[in-house]
């Protein structure tokens, strides 16, 4: 049985890699220096060509990184790397929690160190070439150190807790783990901006003035109680622009990147926020949270059925079953289900984006949203013409052209 599971894992790994290559190929068939007809007169041709060059460069780069990642994982499986690491940590401790912590710490650190040269190249060569990067070497190094510490404290704490629950309750651990992780997720939804974001970025309340007055006026018009509007120093790392909504209830807040404020007009920013308020008004935040909770419960339940099976650990060459080896094998075996769930989730997300756009348009923000989306596309060097199948599989947002077409249709 373990041999069949090993073959299945190899098959899934290979399929995932080839499927990714197929998506990249399909996207490459859409590359063109010809500006889409729908954008003629409203989108600069040189900026469009720059976005196309950016997409081509990133795709070629991902081919190398994807191939090396695939080969690394293939070698780990064929040479028994996971089993060797399991034996190594057992030489230091037989306690399940410490074994799991040491196992994932070594695996995670090694993986990050191997990926670091490619991350540095992408940030300081590719992003720099296209005028997007503002990250300094000091910021990059500090971000890495903070990420490692955060992964150790939060990730390690959660892992230790889950392993402890598993050892204490056995196959029913998934219920306690589900409830505990759900509580943690809700806590982070409320306090992420207060606890985690300040470790990496500075946030400050939006200053009084024309923009704040316009935002407050729109919020009042739509019956949206809004006290917290913050500006984040996104320009510290990149010239890309964004805005997002976080929290709920009295803890909800809207966060604007400083790059967004510097590049969009007041009316365009209000339109972008109208879109975000539309998500809240349409209860997309609540539905998304409930879906995430149910999904995590399903995963934990399936995990509880598989994690104790000796064949699961043996599939990776381990002589003794363990929680940490079982997690690795399970994550690989579960990936096809994860892909299907992800496709369904992306479909729902795209529908929600259309609904939020309609909300903005219904409150007389359609034209401003359209121009704002075009500016954001230019700033972020977005791919304007991905293949429809790629959009179906992996895009959480409709393309710019699809959103413009939908706004035009709703207006007519």
Protein backbone atom coordinates (compact mmCIF):
# COMPACT_ATOMS: atom_id res chain seq x y z
CA UNK A 1 0.00 0.00 0.00
CA UNK A 2 2.81 2.43 0.90
CA UNK A 3 4.44 1.76 -2.49
CA UNK A 4 1.20 2.65 -4.29
CA UNK A 5 0.89 5.83 -2.23
CA UNK A 6 4.47 6.75 -3.15
CA UNK A 7 3.71 6.26 -6.86
CA UNK A 8 0.55 8.36 -6.42
CA UNK A 9 2.52 11.15 -4.75
CA UNK A 10 5.05 11.14 -7.61
CA UNK A 11 2.20 11.25 -10.12
CA UNK A 12 0.49 14.16 -8.37
CA UNK A 13 3.76 16.10 -8.11
CA UNK A 14 4.48 15.58 -11.81
CA UNK A 15 0.92 16.47 -12.83
CA UNK A 16 1.00 19.70 -10.81
CA UNK A 17 4.26 20.73 -12.43
CA UNK A 18 3.11 19.93 -15.98
CA UNK A 19 -0.23 21.61 -15.34
CA UNK A 20 1.61 24.79 -14.31
CA UNK A 21 3.71 24.61 -17.49
CA UNK A 22 0.55 24.27 -19.55
CA UNK A 23 -0.94 27.40 -17.95
CA UNK A 24 2.25 29.34 -18.69
CA UNK A 25 2.17 28.14 -22.30
CA UNK A 26 -1.48 29.10 -22.73
CA UNK A 27 -0.73 32.57 -21.40
CA UNK A 28 2.22 32.90 -23.77
CA UNK A 29 -0.09 32.35 -26.74
CA UNK A 30 -1.88 35.57 -25.75
CA UNK A 31 1.23 37.75 -25.76
CA UNK A 32 0.91 40.56 -28.26
CA UNK A 33 2.20 44.10 -28.76
CA UNK A 34 -1.17 45.02 -30.22
CA UNK A 35 -3.25 47.05 -27.76
CA UNK A 36 -6.69 45.48 -27.17
CA UNK A 37 -9.39 47.37 -29.05
CA UNK A 38 -11.32 48.07 -25.85
CA UNK A 39 -8.37 50.07 -24.50
CA UNK A 40 -7.50 52.07 -27.60
CA UNK A 41 -7.49 55.74 -26.68
CA UNK A 42 -7.53 55.16 -22.91
CA UNK A 43 -4.40 53.04 -22.35
CA UNK A 44 -0.94 54.14 -23.47
CA UNK A 45 0.57 51.70 -25.99
CA UNK A 46 4.08 52.00 -24.54
CA UNK A 47 2.84 51.22 -21.04
CA UNK A 48 0.97 48.23 -22.45
CA UNK A 49 4.13 46.93 -24.12
CA UNK A 50 6.05 47.41 -20.87
CA UNK A 51 3.45 45.30 -19.05
CA UNK A 52 3.77 42.63 -21.75
CA UNK A 53 7.57 42.60 -21.38
CA UNK A 54 7.18 42.35 -17.59
CA UNK A 55 4.85 39.36 -17.98
CA UNK A 56 7.23 37.62 -20.40
CA UNK A 57 10.22 38.17 -18.11
CA UNK A 58 8.37 36.87 -15.05
CA UNK A 59 7.09 33.83 -16.95
CA UNK A 60 10.56 32.90 -18.16
CA UNK A 61 11.92 33.36 -14.65
CA UNK A 62 9.17 31.19 -13.18
CA UNK A 63 10.05 28.43 -15.65
CA UNK A 64 13.51 28.21 -14.08
CA UNK A 65 12.33 28.47 -10.48
CA UNK A 66 9.48 26.02 -11.11
CA UNK A 67 11.80 23.47 -12.71
CA UNK A 68 14.31 23.70 -9.85
CA UNK A 69 11.53 23.41 -7.26
CA UNK A 70 10.11 20.35 -9.04
CA UNK A 71 13.52 18.69 -9.31
CA UNK A 72 14.31 19.43 -5.65
CA UNK A 73 11.07 17.84 -4.48
CA UNK A 74 11.57 14.91 -6.85
CA UNK A 75 15.03 14.27 -5.42
CA UNK A 76 13.72 14.53 -1.86
CA UNK A 77 11.19 11.82 -2.66
CA UNK A 78 13.39 9.52 -4.73
CA UNK A 79 16.39 9.75 -2.40
CA UNK A 80 14.37 9.47 0.78
CA UNK A 81 15.17 12.98 1.99
CA UNK A 82 12.11 13.27 4.22
CA UNK A 83 12.85 9.89 5.83
CA UNK A 84 16.49 10.90 6.39
CA UNK A 85 15.42 14.14 8.08
CA UNK A 86 12.95 12.19 10.21
CA UNK A 87 15.77 9.91 11.39
CA UNK A 88 17.98 12.93 12.03
CA UNK A 89 15.49 14.67 14.34
CA UNK A 90 14.80 11.37 16.15
CA UNK A 91 18.47 11.36 17.06
CA UNK A 92 17.88 14.49 19.10
CA UNK A 93 14.44 13.82 20.58
CA UNK A 94 11.71 11.20 20.68
CA UNK A 95 9.14 13.67 21.99
CA UNK A 96 6.52 14.22 19.21
CA UNK A 97 6.23 17.98 19.67
CA UNK A 98 9.97 18.61 19.63
CA UNK A 99 10.42 16.25 16.69
CA UNK A 100 7.77 18.11 14.68
CA UNK A 101 9.19 21.53 15.57
CA UNK A 102 12.76 20.55 14.66
CA UNK A 103 11.65 18.74 11.49
CA UNK A 104 9.69 21.69 10.09
CA UNK A 105 12.23 24.26 11.28
CA UNK A 106 15.02 22.54 9.32
CA UNK A 107 12.81 21.90 6.30
CA UNK A 108 11.42 25.44 6.24
CA UNK A 109 14.78 27.14 6.75
CA UNK A 110 16.49 25.00 4.11
CA UNK A 111 13.70 25.67 1.62
CA UNK A 112 13.82 29.40 2.25
CA UNK A 113 17.60 29.56 1.95
CA UNK A 114 17.49 27.66 -1.35
CA UNK A 115 14.82 30.03 -2.68
CA UNK A 116 16.57 33.17 -1.42
CA UNK A 117 18.94 33.71 -4.41
CA UNK A 118 15.95 33.62 -6.76
CA UNK A 119 13.97 35.96 -4.50
CA UNK A 120 16.90 38.39 -4.43
CA UNK A 121 17.25 38.22 -8.22
CA UNK A 122 13.53 38.84 -8.73
CA UNK A 123 13.47 41.79 -6.33
CA UNK A 124 16.75 43.51 -7.19
CA UNK A 125 17.09 42.62 -10.88
CA UNK A 126 13.69 42.02 -12.47
CA UNK A 127 11.63 44.42 -10.34
CA UNK A 128 14.47 46.96 -10.50
CA UNK A 129 14.67 46.67 -14.29
CA UNK A 130 11.00 47.56 -14.65
CA UNK A 131 11.16 50.41 -12.14
CA UNK A 132 9.02 48.68 -9.51
CA UNK A 133 11.47 47.96 -6.72
CA UNK A 134 12.11 50.35 -3.83
CA UNK A 135 13.29 47.69 -1.36
CA UNK A 136 16.74 48.30 0.08
CA UNK A 137 19.07 45.43 1.02
CA UNK A 138 18.62 46.42 4.68
CA UNK A 139 14.82 46.21 4.41
CA UNK A 140 15.06 42.86 2.61
CA UNK A 141 17.31 41.39 5.32
CA UNK A 142 15.17 42.73 8.17
CA UNK A 143 12.02 41.38 6.49
CA UNK A 144 13.63 37.95 6.29
CA UNK A 145 14.67 37.94 9.93
CA UNK A 146 11.25 39.14 11.08
CA UNK A 147 9.51 36.53 8.91
CA UNK A 148 11.64 33.76 10.38
CA UNK A 149 10.97 34.92 13.93
CA UNK A 150 7.26 35.25 13.24
CA UNK A 151 7.14 31.78 11.68
CA UNK A 152 8.98 30.40 14.70
CA UNK A 153 6.71 32.03 17.27
CA UNK A 154 3.30 31.80 15.59
CA UNK A 155 3.86 28.85 13.26
CA UNK A 156 5.79 26.91 15.85
CA UNK A 157 3.24 27.66 18.55
CA UNK A 158 0.32 26.52 16.41
CA UNK A 159 2.17 23.37 15.30
CA UNK A 160 3.09 22.47 18.89
CA UNK A 161 -0.50 22.98 20.00
CA UNK A 162 -1.94 20.81 17.20
CA UNK A 163 0.58 18.01 17.82
CA UNK A 164 -0.19 18.13 21.55
CA UNK A 165 -3.95 17.90 20.87
CA UNK A 166 -3.37 14.97 18.52
CA UNK A 167 -1.35 13.13 21.13
CA UNK A 168 -3.92 13.82 23.84
CA UNK A 169 -7.15 13.08 21.93
CA UNK A 170 -6.22 10.89 18.94
CA UNK A 171 -8.59 10.78 15.98
CA UNK A 172 -10.95 13.34 17.53
CA UNK A 173 -8.23 15.96 17.67
CA UNK A 174 -9.63 17.63 14.55
CA UNK A 175 -12.66 19.03 16.40
CA UNK A 176 -10.60 20.69 19.14
CA UNK A 177 -7.99 21.86 16.62
CA UNK A 178 -10.72 23.22 14.34
CA UNK A 179 -12.35 25.20 17.14
CA UNK A 180 -9.02 26.52 18.40
CA UNK A 181 -7.71 27.50 14.97
CA UNK A 182 -11.03 29.15 14.12
CA UNK A 183 -10.76 31.23 17.29
CA UNK A 184 -7.19 32.18 16.40
CA UNK A 185 -8.23 33.15 12.85
CA UNK A 186 -11.00 35.39 14.16
CA UNK A 187 -8.58 36.99 16.61
CA UNK A 188 -6.08 37.67 13.82
CA UNK A 189 -8.84 39.12 11.62
CA UNK A 190 -9.55 41.65 14.35
CA UNK A 191 -6.01 42.47 15.42
CA UNK A 192 -3.76 41.65 12.43
CA UNK A 193 -3.36 45.32 11.54
CA UNK A 194 -2.52 46.18 15.15
CA UNK A 195 -0.12 43.32 15.87
CA UNK A 196 1.49 42.04 12.66
CA UNK A 197 1.49 44.88 10.13
CA UNK A 198 3.49 47.28 12.39
CA UNK A 199 6.34 44.75 12.40
CA UNK A 200 6.87 45.42 8.69
CA UNK A 201 5.17 48.71 7.84
CA UNK A 202 4.25 52.03 9.35
CA UNK A 203 0.56 52.89 9.47
CA UNK A 204 -0.88 56.27 10.26
CA UNK A 205 -4.42 57.66 10.21
CA UNK A 206 -5.35 59.46 7.00
CA UNK A 207 -4.85 63.16 7.59
CA UNK A 208 -7.80 65.54 7.58
CA UNK A 209 -8.41 67.12 4.21
CA UNK A 210 -10.16 66.70 0.89
CA UNK A 211 -9.59 62.94 0.58
CA UNK A 212 -10.70 62.07 4.10
CA UNK A 213 -13.76 64.31 3.76
CA UNK A 214 -14.69 62.65 0.45
CA UNK A 215 -14.29 59.16 1.96
CA UNK A 216 -16.36 60.02 5.00
CA UNK A 217 -19.05 61.59 2.83
CA UNK A 218 -19.35 58.45 0.70
CA UNK A 219 -19.33 56.19 3.74
CA UNK A 220 -22.16 58.23 5.30
CA UNK A 221 -24.10 58.16 2.03
CA UNK A 222 -24.03 54.35 1.99
CA UNK A 223 -24.66 53.93 5.71
CA UNK A 224 -21.20 52.50 6.28
CA UNK A 225 -19.81 53.33 9.72
CA UNK A 226 -16.17 54.10 9.22
CA UNK A 227 -13.81 55.58 11.76
CA UNK A 228 -10.53 53.97 10.79
CA UNK A 229 -8.85 54.98 7.52
CA UNK A 230 -5.11 54.36 7.52
CA UNK A 231 -2.23 54.99 5.15
CA UNK A 232 0.53 52.38 4.90
CA UNK A 233 4.04 53.02 3.56
CA UNK A 234 3.87 50.53 0.69
CA UNK A 235 6.42 52.61 -1.22
CA UNK A 236 8.99 51.28 1.25
CA UNK A 237 9.20 48.11 -0.87
CA UNK A 238 7.49 48.67 -4.21
CA UNK A 239 5.80 51.25 -6.41
CA UNK A 240 2.82 48.93 -6.86
CA UNK A 241 -0.42 50.33 -5.44
CA UNK A 242 -3.25 48.73 -3.50
CA UNK A 243 -5.98 49.24 -0.93
CA UNK A 244 -7.60 46.66 1.32
CA UNK A 245 -10.28 46.17 3.93
CA UNK A 246 -9.56 44.33 7.16
CA UNK A 247 -11.38 43.41 10.35
CA UNK A 248 -15.06 43.61 11.08
CA UNK A 249 -17.39 45.28 13.56
CA UNK A 250 -15.73 48.11 15.51
CA UNK A 251 -12.30 46.85 14.40
CA UNK A 252 -12.91 47.25 10.68
CA UNK A 253 -10.55 49.55 8.87
CA UNK A 254 -9.64 50.59 5.35
CA UNK A 255 -5.94 50.73 4.52
CA UNK A 256 -4.60 52.77 1.60
CA UNK A 257 -1.11 52.40 0.18
CA UNK A 258 0.71 55.70 -0.05
CA UNK A 259 1.46 54.83 -3.69
CA UNK A 260 -2.28 54.68 -4.34
CA UNK A 261 -2.83 58.13 -2.86
CA UNK A 262 0.02 59.62 -4.90
CA UNK A 263 -1.14 58.22 -8.25
CA UNK A 264 -4.95 58.27 -8.18
CA UNK A 265 -7.27 61.26 -7.96
CA UNK A 266 -9.53 61.80 -4.96
CA UNK A 267 -12.57 60.61 -6.91
CA UNK A 268 -10.76 57.50 -8.14
CA UNK A 269 -9.66 56.61 -4.61
CA UNK A 270 -13.24 57.04 -3.38
CA UNK A 271 -14.39 54.74 -6.19
CA UNK A 272 -11.83 52.09 -5.20
CA UNK A 273 -13.04 52.35 -1.60
CA UNK A 274 -16.64 52.17 -2.83
CA UNK A 275 -15.68 48.81 -4.29
CA UNK A 276 -14.23 47.70 -0.93
CA UNK A 277 -17.32 48.92 0.92
CA UNK A 278 -19.37 46.96 -1.60
CA UNK A 279 -17.64 43.77 -0.43
CA UNK A 280 -18.65 44.59 3.14
CA UNK A 281 -22.22 45.55 2.25
CA UNK A 282 -22.68 42.38 0.19
CA UNK A 283 -21.38 40.37 3.18
CA UNK A 284 -18.53 38.92 1.11
CA UNK A 285 -16.22 39.24 4.12
CA UNK A 286 -18.53 37.16 6.34
CA UNK A 287 -19.22 34.55 3.65
CA UNK A 288 -15.52 34.25 2.89
CA UNK A 289 -14.73 33.76 6.55
CA UNK A 290 -17.42 31.10 6.95
CA UNK A 291 -16.19 29.31 3.83
CA UNK A 292 -12.63 29.36 5.16
CA UNK A 293 -13.78 27.96 8.51
CA UNK A 294 -15.74 25.14 6.88
CA UNK A 295 -12.86 24.38 4.52
CA UNK A 296 -10.36 24.15 7.37
CA UNK A 297 -12.73 21.86 9.27
CA UNK A 298 -13.01 19.58 6.25
CA UNK A 299 -9.23 19.45 5.82
CA UNK A 300 -8.67 18.68 9.50
CA UNK A 301 -11.30 15.94 9.40
CA UNK A 302 -9.71 14.26 6.37
CA UNK A 303 -6.32 14.69 8.03
CA UNK A 304 -7.60 12.93 11.17
CA UNK A 305 -8.58 9.92 9.06
CA UNK A 306 -5.18 9.67 7.38
CA UNK A 307 -2.54 10.93 9.77
CA UNK A 308 -2.39 7.80 11.92
CA UNK A 309 -2.09 5.35 9.02
CA UNK A 310 1.40 3.76 9.00
CA UNK A 311 1.31 3.52 5.20
CA UNK A 312 1.07 7.33 4.95
CA UNK A 313 4.43 7.82 6.66
CA UNK A 314 5.92 4.71 5.01
CA UNK A 315 5.12 6.20 1.59
CA UNK A 316 7.90 8.71 2.23
CA UNK A 317 10.28 6.02 3.48
CA UNK A 318 9.85 6.58 7.22
CA UNK A 319 10.29 3.43 9.31
CA UNK A 320 8.07 4.78 12.10
CA UNK A 321 4.82 6.72 11.68
CA UNK A 322 4.84 10.31 12.93
CA UNK A 323 2.66 13.39 12.81
CA UNK A 324 5.23 15.52 10.97
CA UNK A 325 5.90 12.96 8.19
CA UNK A 326 2.18 12.30 7.92
CA UNK A 327 1.53 16.02 7.39
CA UNK A 328 4.00 16.14 4.47
CA UNK A 329 2.52 13.07 2.76
CA UNK A 330 -1.04 14.23 3.38
CA UNK A 331 -0.38 17.68 1.91
CA UNK A 332 0.86 16.10 -1.32
CA UNK A 333 -2.02 13.63 -1.56
CA UNK A 334 -4.57 16.33 -0.79
CA UNK A 335 -3.28 18.78 -3.42
CA UNK A 336 -5.69 17.63 -6.22
CA UNK A 337 -8.66 18.29 -3.91
CA UNK A 338 -7.06 21.58 -2.94
CA UNK A 339 -6.80 22.53 -6.61
CA UNK A 340 -10.48 21.81 -7.23
CA UNK A 341 -11.50 23.75 -4.11
CA UNK A 342 -9.23 26.60 -5.22
CA UNK A 343 -10.84 26.77 -8.67
CA UNK A 344 -14.29 26.95 -7.08
CA UNK A 345 -13.07 29.58 -4.63
CA UNK A 346 -11.59 31.68 -7.44
CA UNK A 347 -14.89 31.53 -9.32
CA UNK A 348 -16.80 32.78 -6.29
CA UNK A 349 -14.17 35.47 -5.70
CA UNK A 350 -14.49 36.77 -9.28
CA UNK A 351 -18.27 36.93 -8.92
CA UNK A 352 -17.84 38.90 -5.72
CA UNK A 353 -15.50 41.33 -7.50
CA UNK A 354 -18.13 41.97 -10.16
CA UNK A 355 -20.76 42.51 -7.44
CA UNK A 356 -18.52 45.00 -5.61
CA UNK A 357 -17.89 46.85 -8.88
CA UNK A 358 -21.65 47.06 -9.47
CA UNK A 359 -22.14 48.46 -5.97
CA UNK A 360 -19.67 51.24 -6.76
CA UNK A 361 -21.34 51.90 -10.12
CA UNK A 362 -24.80 52.03 -8.53
CA UNK A 363 -23.52 54.81 -6.28
CA UNK A 364 -22.30 56.88 -9.23
CA UNK A 365 -18.67 55.75 -9.00
CA UNK A 366 -18.55 53.66 -12.18
CA UNK A 367 -16.52 56.00 -14.38
CA UNK A 368 -14.11 56.89 -11.60
CA UNK A 369 -13.67 53.20 -10.77
CA UNK A 370 -12.98 52.42 -14.42
CA UNK A 371 -10.25 55.08 -14.68
CA UNK A 372 -8.85 54.04 -11.30
CA UNK A 373 -8.65 50.39 -12.36
CA UNK A 374 -6.79 51.39 -15.52
CA UNK A 375 -4.28 53.43 -13.52
CA UNK A 376 -3.79 50.56 -11.07
CA UNK A 377 -3.23 48.19 -13.97
CA UNK A 378 -0.54 50.50 -15.35
CA UNK A 379 1.11 50.92 -11.95
CA UNK A 380 1.13 47.19 -11.20
CA UNK A 381 2.08 46.13 -14.76
CA UNK A 382 -0.90 43.78 -14.82
CA UNK A 383 -1.31 41.11 -17.47
CA UNK A 384 -4.24 42.42 -19.53
CA UNK A 385 -4.80 39.34 -21.69
CA UNK A 386 -4.23 36.10 -19.78
CA UNK A 387 -5.67 32.97 -21.35
CA UNK A 388 -9.33 32.36 -20.31
CA UNK A 389 -8.44 28.95 -18.90
CA UNK A 390 -5.74 30.49 -16.69
CA UNK A 391 -8.29 33.00 -15.43
CA UNK A 392 -10.73 30.17 -14.72
CA UNK A 393 -8.16 28.16 -12.77
CA UNK A 394 -6.19 30.70 -10.79
CA UNK A 395 -7.47 34.30 -11.00
CA UNK A 396 -9.27 35.58 -7.92
CA UNK A 397 -10.10 38.81 -9.78
CA UNK A 398 -11.50 39.29 -13.27
CA UNK A 399 -9.11 40.85 -15.75
CA UNK A 400 -9.16 44.59 -16.33
CA UNK A 401 -10.91 44.14 -19.68
CA UNK A 402 -13.59 41.93 -18.12
CA UNK A 403 -14.25 44.45 -15.36
CA UNK A 404 -14.44 47.36 -17.79
CA UNK A 405 -16.82 45.40 -20.04
CA UNK A 406 -19.03 44.55 -17.06
CA UNK A 407 -19.12 48.20 -15.93
CA UNK A 408 -20.00 49.33 -19.45
CA UNK A 409 -22.76 46.69 -19.68
CA UNK A 410 -24.24 47.71 -16.32
CA UNK A 411 -24.25 51.36 -17.40
CA UNK A 412 -26.06 50.70 -20.68
